[in-house]
C-alpha atoms as a PDB file:
ATOM      1  CA  UNK A   1      10.215 -18.929  16.170  1.00  0.00           C
ATOM      2  CA  UNK A   2       8.476 -15.574  15.881  1.00  0.00           C
ATOM      3  CA  UNK A   3      10.426 -13.195  13.640  1.00  0.00           C
ATOM      4  CA  UNK A   4       9.699  -9.603  12.723  1.00  0.00           C
ATOM      5  CA  UNK A   5      10.874  -8.397   9.325  1.00  0.00           C
ATOM      6  CA  UNK A   6      11.773  -4.755   8.813  1.00  0.00           C
ATOM      7  CA  UNK A   7      12.435  -4.272   5.135  1.00  0.00           C
ATOM      8  CA  UNK A   8      13.653  -1.157   3.447  1.00  0.00           C
ATOM      9  CA  UNK A   9      16.381   0.795   1.752  1.00  0.00           C
ATOM     10  CA  UNK A  10      17.980   1.973   5.013  1.00  0.00           C
ATOM     11  CA  UNK A  11      19.331   4.869   2.976  1.00  0.00           C
ATOM     12  CA  UNK A  12      20.656   5.745   5.519  1.00  0.00           C
ATOM     13  CA  UNK A  13      19.644   3.687   8.565  1.00  0.00           C
ATOM     14  CA  UNK A  14      18.658   5.771  11.594  1.00  0.00           C
ATOM     15  CA  UNK A  15      17.372   5.756  15.165  1.00  0.00           C
ATOM     16  CA  UNK A  16      13.775   5.422  13.948  1.00  0.00           C
ATOM     17  CA  UNK A  17      14.575   2.019  12.417  1.00  0.00           C
ATOM     18  CA  UNK A  18      16.175   0.927  15.681  1.00  0.00           C
ATOM     19  CA  UNK A  19      13.226   2.255  17.710  1.00  0.00           C
ATOM     20  CA  UNK A  20      10.453   0.479  15.782  1.00  0.00           C
ATOM     21  CA  UNK A  21      12.501  -2.744  15.749  1.00  0.00           C
ATOM     22  CA  UNK A  22      12.783  -2.675  19.537  1.00  0.00           C
ATOM     23  CA  UNK A  23       9.112  -1.753  19.944  1.00  0.00           C
ATOM     24  CA  UNK A  24       8.061  -4.690  17.752  1.00  0.00           C
ATOM     25  CA  UNK A  25      10.478  -7.061  19.496  1.00  0.00           C
ATOM     26  CA  UNK A  26       9.037  -6.333  22.922  1.00  0.00           C
ATOM     27  CA  UNK A  27       5.406  -5.536  22.019  1.00  0.00           C
ATOM     28  CA  UNK A  28       4.877  -8.672  19.923  1.00  0.00           C
ATOM     29  CA  UNK A  29       7.096 -10.934  22.060  1.00  0.00           C
ATOM     30  CA  UNK A  30       9.309 -11.774  19.069  1.00  0.00           C
ATOM     31  CA  UNK A  31      12.339 -14.038  19.159  1.00  0.00           C
ATOM     32  CA  UNK A  32      14.154 -11.808  16.658  1.00  0.00           C
ATOM     33  CA  UNK A  33      13.833  -8.950  14.179  1.00  0.00           C
ATOM     34  CA  UNK A  34      15.599  -9.176  10.831  1.00  0.00           C
ATOM     35  CA  UNK A  35      16.407  -6.040   8.885  1.00  0.00           C
ATOM     36  CA  UNK A  36      16.054  -6.818   5.181  1.00  0.00           C
ATOM     37  CA  UNK A  37      18.235  -4.215   3.500  1.00  0.00           C
ATOM     38  CA  UNK A  38      16.958  -4.224  -0.059  1.00  0.00           C
ATOM     39  CA  UNK A  39      19.305  -3.912  -3.035  1.00  0.00           C
ATOM     40  CA  UNK A  40      16.854  -1.436  -4.638  1.00  0.00           C
ATOM     41  CA  UNK A  41      13.368  -0.352  -3.645  1.00  0.00           C
ATOM     42  CA  UNK A  42      11.335  -0.301  -6.890  1.00  0.00           C
ATOM     43  CA  UNK A  43       9.389   2.736  -5.635  1.00  0.00           C
ATOM     44  CA  UNK A  44      12.522   4.845  -5.106  1.00  0.00           C
ATOM     45  CA  UNK A  45      15.047   6.493  -7.417  1.00  0.00           C
ATOM     46  CA  UNK A  46      18.027   4.277  -8.135  1.00  0.00           C
ATOM     47  CA  UNK A  47      20.601   7.058  -8.468  1.00  0.00           C
ATOM     48  CA  UNK A  48      19.837   8.381  -4.955  1.00  0.00           C
ATOM     49  CA  UNK A  49      20.533   5.102  -3.137  1.00  0.00           C
ATOM     50  CA  UNK A  50      23.867   4.364  -1.464  1.00  0.00           C
ATOM     51  CA  UNK A  51      25.497   1.069  -2.517  1.00  0.00           C
ATOM     52  CA  UNK A  52      24.021  -1.980  -0.764  1.00  0.00           C
ATOM     53  CA  UNK A  53      27.279  -2.914   0.952  1.00  0.00           C
ATOM     54  CA  UNK A  54      27.511   0.581   2.476  1.00  0.00           C
ATOM     55  CA  UNK A  55      23.892   0.552   3.705  1.00  0.00           C
ATOM     56  CA  UNK A  56      24.391  -2.872   5.304  1.00  0.00           C
ATOM     57  CA  UNK A  57      27.604  -1.697   7.006  1.00  0.00           C
ATOM     58  CA  UNK A  58      25.914   1.488   8.285  1.00  0.00           C
ATOM     59  CA  UNK A  59      22.970  -0.581   9.552  1.00  0.00           C
ATOM     60  CA  UNK A  60      25.257  -2.916  11.471  1.00  0.00           C
ATOM     61  CA  UNK A  61      27.075   0.075  12.991  1.00  0.00           C
ATOM     62  CA  UNK A  62      23.925   1.545  14.550  1.00  0.00           C
ATOM     63  CA  UNK A  63      22.351  -1.735  15.651  1.00  0.00           C
ATOM     64  CA  UNK A  64      22.932  -2.424  19.338  1.00  0.00           C
ATOM     65  CA  UNK A  65      20.634  -5.333  20.110  1.00  0.00           C
ATOM     66  CA  UNK A  66      21.579  -9.034  20.016  1.00  0.00           C
ATOM     67  CA  UNK A  67      18.129 -10.098  18.769  1.00  0.00           C
ATOM     68  CA  UNK A  68      18.122  -7.713  15.791  1.00  0.00           C
ATOM     69  CA  UNK A  69      19.968  -9.042  12.756  1.00  0.00           C
ATOM     70  CA  UNK A  70      20.959  -6.973   9.720  1.00  0.00           C
ATOM     71  CA  UNK A  71      20.828  -8.967   6.483  1.00  0.00           C
ATOM     72  CA  UNK A  72      21.045  -8.484   2.720  1.00  0.00           C
ATOM     73  CA  UNK A  73      19.201 -11.733   1.969  1.00  0.00           C
ATOM     74  CA  UNK A  74      17.124 -10.042  -0.740  1.00  0.00           C
ATOM     75  CA  UNK A  75      20.298  -9.814  -2.814  1.00  0.00           C
ATOM     76  CA  UNK A  76      20.479 -13.612  -2.751  1.00  0.00           C
ATOM     77  CA  UNK A  77      16.793 -13.835  -3.693  1.00  0.00           C
ATOM     78  CA  UNK A  78      17.378 -11.430  -6.611  1.00  0.00           C
ATOM     79  CA  UNK A  79      13.999  -9.773  -6.265  1.00  0.00           C
ATOM     80  CA  UNK A  80      13.054  -6.231  -5.330  1.00  0.00           C
ATOM     81  CA  UNK A  81       9.535  -7.243  -4.326  1.00  0.00           C
ATOM     82  CA  UNK A  82       8.485  -7.942  -0.740  1.00  0.00           C
ATOM     83  CA  UNK A  83       5.904 -10.499  -1.848  1.00  0.00           C
ATOM     84  CA  UNK A  84       8.554 -12.692  -3.505  1.00  0.00           C
ATOM     85  CA  UNK A  85      10.879 -12.297  -0.521  1.00  0.00           C
ATOM     86  CA  UNK A  86       8.153 -13.460   1.874  1.00  0.00           C
ATOM     87  CA  UNK A  87       7.360 -16.521  -0.248  1.00  0.00           C
ATOM     88  CA  UNK A  88      11.028 -17.518  -0.273  1.00  0.00           C
ATOM     89  CA  UNK A  89      11.502 -16.910   3.452  1.00  0.00           C
ATOM     90  CA  UNK A  90       8.436 -19.004   4.286  1.00  0.00           C
ATOM     91  CA  UNK A  91       9.715 -21.876   2.114  1.00  0.00           C
ATOM     92  CA  UNK A  92      13.171 -21.702   3.713  1.00  0.00           C
ATOM     93  CA  UNK A  93      12.013 -21.280   7.341  1.00  0.00           C
ATOM     94  CA  UNK A  94       8.922 -23.479   7.535  1.00  0.00           C
ATOM     95  CA  UNK A  95       8.669 -23.431  11.343  1.00  0.00           C
ATOM     96  CA  UNK A  96       8.845 -19.650  11.650  1.00  0.00           C
ATOM     97  CA  UNK A  97       5.946 -17.205  12.003  1.00  0.00           C
ATOM     98  CA  UNK A  98       6.808 -13.915  10.334  1.00  0.00           C
ATOM     99  CA  UNK A  99       5.356 -10.446  10.829  1.00  0.00           C
ATOM    100  CA  UNK A 100       6.125  -7.492   8.539  1.00  0.00           C
ATOM    101  CA  UNK A 101       7.001  -4.389  10.560  1.00  0.00           C
ATOM    102  CA  UNK A 102       6.628  -0.823   9.325  1.00  0.00           C
ATOM    103  CA  UNK A 103       6.071   2.673  10.495  1.00  0.00           C
ATOM    104  CA  UNK A 104       2.834   4.441   9.610  1.00  0.00           C
ATOM    105  CA  UNK A 105       4.295   5.936   6.416  1.00  0.00           C
ATOM    106  CA  UNK A 106       4.551   2.516   4.739  1.00  0.00           C
ATOM    107  CA  UNK A 107       1.019   1.588   5.788  1.00  0.00           C
ATOM    108  CA  UNK A 108      -0.228   4.608   3.847  1.00  0.00           C
ATOM    109  CA  UNK A 109       1.522   3.470   0.645  1.00  0.00           C
ATOM    110  CA  UNK A 110       1.189  -0.320   0.941  1.00  0.00           C
ATOM    111  CA  UNK A 111      -1.495  -0.339  -1.761  1.00  0.00           C
ATOM    112  CA  UNK A 112       1.226   0.775  -4.240  1.00  0.00           C
ATOM    113  CA  UNK A 113       3.413  -2.290  -3.599  1.00  0.00           C
ATOM    114  CA  UNK A 114       3.654  -5.099  -6.134  1.00  0.00           C
ATOM    115  CA  UNK A 115       1.191  -7.907  -5.260  1.00  0.00           C
ATOM    116  CA  UNK A 116       0.194  -6.124  -2.064  1.00  0.00           C
ATOM    117  CA  UNK A 117      -3.065  -8.016  -1.560  1.00  0.00           C
ATOM    118  CA  UNK A 118      -1.339 -11.363  -2.181  1.00  0.00           C
ATOM    119  CA  UNK A 119       1.302 -10.253   0.335  1.00  0.00           C
ATOM    120  CA  UNK A 120      -1.420  -9.814   2.965  1.00  0.00           C
ATOM    121  CA  UNK A 121      -2.485 -13.426   2.304  1.00  0.00           C
ATOM    122  CA  UNK A 122       1.038 -14.519   3.268  1.00  0.00           C
ATOM    123  CA  UNK A 123       2.054 -12.457   6.288  1.00  0.00           C
ATOM    124  CA  UNK A 124       0.806 -10.563   9.301  1.00  0.00           C
ATOM    125  CA  UNK A 125       1.484  -6.807   9.384  1.00  0.00           C
ATOM    126  CA  UNK A 126       2.450  -4.636  12.353  1.00  0.00           C
ATOM    127  CA  UNK A 127       2.499  -0.878  11.902  1.00  0.00           C
ATOM    128  CA  UNK A 128       4.141   1.122  14.666  1.00  0.00           C
ATOM    129  CA  UNK A 129       2.238   4.414  14.918  1.00  0.00           C
ATOM    130  CA  UNK A 130       2.145   7.341  17.294  1.00  0.00           C
ATOM    131  CA  UNK A 131      -0.888   8.813  18.979  1.00  0.00           C
ATOM    132  CA  UNK A 132      -3.171  10.411  17.937  1.00  0.00           C
ATOM    133  CA  UNK A 133      -3.029   8.029  14.992  1.00  0.00           C
ATOM    134  CA  UNK A 134      -6.477   6.480  15.193  1.00  0.00           C
ATOM    135  CA  UNK A 135      -7.979   8.920  12.668  1.00  0.00           C
ATOM    136  CA  UNK A 136      -5.000   8.373  10.336  1.00  0.00           C
ATOM    137  CA  UNK A 137      -5.330   4.604  10.708  1.00  0.00           C
ATOM    138  CA  UNK A 138      -9.028   4.770   9.877  1.00  0.00           C
ATOM    139  CA  UNK A 139      -8.326   6.714   6.645  1.00  0.00           C
ATOM    140  CA  UNK A 140      -5.451   4.477   5.534  1.00  0.00           C
ATOM    141  CA  UNK A 141      -6.114   2.739   2.161  1.00  0.00           C
ATOM    142  CA  UNK A 142      -5.171  -0.591   3.750  1.00  0.00           C
ATOM    143  CA  UNK A 143      -8.111  -0.211   6.157  1.00  0.00           C
ATOM    144  CA  UNK A 144     -10.512  -0.195   3.207  1.00  0.00           C
ATOM    145  CA  UNK A 145      -9.679  -3.826   2.412  1.00  0.00           C
ATOM    146  CA  UNK A 146     -12.575  -5.747   3.977  1.00  0.00           C
ATOM    147  CA  UNK A 147     -10.751  -9.097   3.996  1.00  0.00           C
ATOM    148  CA  UNK A 148      -8.089  -7.721   6.371  1.00  0.00           C
ATOM    149  CA  UNK A 149      -8.577  -7.945  10.139  1.00  0.00           C
ATOM    150  CA  UNK A 150      -7.412  -4.750  11.903  1.00  0.00           C
ATOM    151  CA  UNK A 151      -6.496  -4.597  15.575  1.00  0.00           C
ATOM    152  CA  UNK A 152      -5.526  -1.313  17.205  1.00  0.00           C
ATOM    153  CA  UNK A 153      -3.629  -1.849  20.438  1.00  0.00           C
ATOM    154  CA  UNK A 154      -1.273  -0.057  22.767  1.00  0.00           C
ATOM    155  CA  UNK A 155      -0.498  -3.139  24.843  1.00  0.00           C
ATOM    156  CA  UNK A 156       0.894  -5.758  22.484  1.00  0.00           C
ATOM    157  CA  UNK A 157       1.631  -9.204  23.895  1.00  0.00           C
ATOM    158  CA  UNK A 158       1.998 -12.625  22.381  1.00  0.00           C
ATOM    159  CA  UNK A 159      -0.507 -11.843  19.658  1.00  0.00           C
ATOM    160  CA  UNK A 160      -1.168 -14.364  16.908  1.00  0.00           C
ATOM    161  CA  UNK A 161       0.829 -13.653  13.766  1.00  0.00           C
ATOM    162  CA  UNK A 162      -1.784 -14.801  11.294  1.00  0.00           C
ATOM    163  CA  UNK A 163      -1.869 -13.598   7.707  1.00  0.00           C
ATOM    164  CA  UNK A 164      -4.695 -11.205   6.845  1.00  0.00           C
ATOM    165  CA  UNK A 165      -4.192  -9.531  10.237  1.00  0.00           C
ATOM    166  CA  UNK A 166      -2.844  -6.033  10.722  1.00  0.00           C
ATOM    167  CA  UNK A 167      -1.824  -4.748  14.122  1.00  0.00           C
ATOM    168  CA  UNK A 168      -1.656  -1.019  14.691  1.00  0.00           C
ATOM    169  CA  UNK A 169       0.706  -0.657  17.656  1.00  0.00           C
ATOM    170  CA  UNK A 170       0.049   2.742  19.199  1.00  0.00           C
ATOM    171  CA  UNK A 171       3.113   4.261  20.862  1.00  0.00           C
ATOM    172  CA  UNK A 172       3.434   7.252  23.153  1.00  0.00           C
ATOM    173  CA  UNK A 173       7.073   7.763  22.270  1.00  0.00           C
ATOM    174  CA  UNK A 174       8.258   7.789  18.669  1.00  0.00           C
ATOM    175  CA  UNK A 175      11.432   8.938  16.967  1.00  0.00           C
ATOM    176  CA  UNK A 176      10.544  11.646  14.448  1.00  0.00           C
ATOM    177  CA  UNK A 177      13.156  11.019  11.755  1.00  0.00           C
ATOM    178  CA  UNK A 178      13.255   9.682   8.219  1.00  0.00           C
ATOM    179  CA  UNK A 179      15.953   8.648   5.767  1.00  0.00           C
ATOM    180  CA  UNK A 180      14.519  11.120   3.245  1.00  0.00           C
ATOM    181  CA  UNK A 181      14.906  14.004   5.705  1.00  0.00           C
ATOM    182  CA  UNK A 182      18.461  12.929   6.578  1.00  0.00           C
ATOM    183  CA  UNK A 183      19.435  12.866   2.866  1.00  0.00           C
ATOM    184  CA  UNK A 184      17.745  16.212   2.252  1.00  0.00           C
ATOM    185  CA  UNK A 185      19.492  17.885   5.213  1.00  0.00           C
ATOM    186  CA  UNK A 186      22.978  16.621   4.316  1.00  0.00           C
END
């Protein structure tokens, strides 16, 4: 199995989450994408996050694809850190190749995540970015890590999902929306 993981607060979930999930599913020839709705992102304010149950329900309401699964498995794992979640998923699903999916915004802040370099030892990354993103990709702190292999592509395909590999999937069409903007506007 080849499974993409889209982790986040989904506070609230939106069309951008759906879009990058579908892009990753088709571009990387994945068998499934799992949304990992986190109980609490350690980099975000706790008092501004909707309850987990509500975010999961909202996520399931907007998801319209049979190969994209909404889950709150991080609650079971009792850890807010992606690195720990990946270790547990890999132990539980030993015959599955995982890839961590994000938009460009998370690529720019990945170096702030707990155990981020150890995370890169465990899982492949795929960042869905819009053109003209090449200059942004080149300035991204993640790109400065010499042990990471970076591949910029607009084609995708059945690419290997090896750890220490980051794919920059260039897209012509992107959905310009964020959960932060939605919360600010409401």
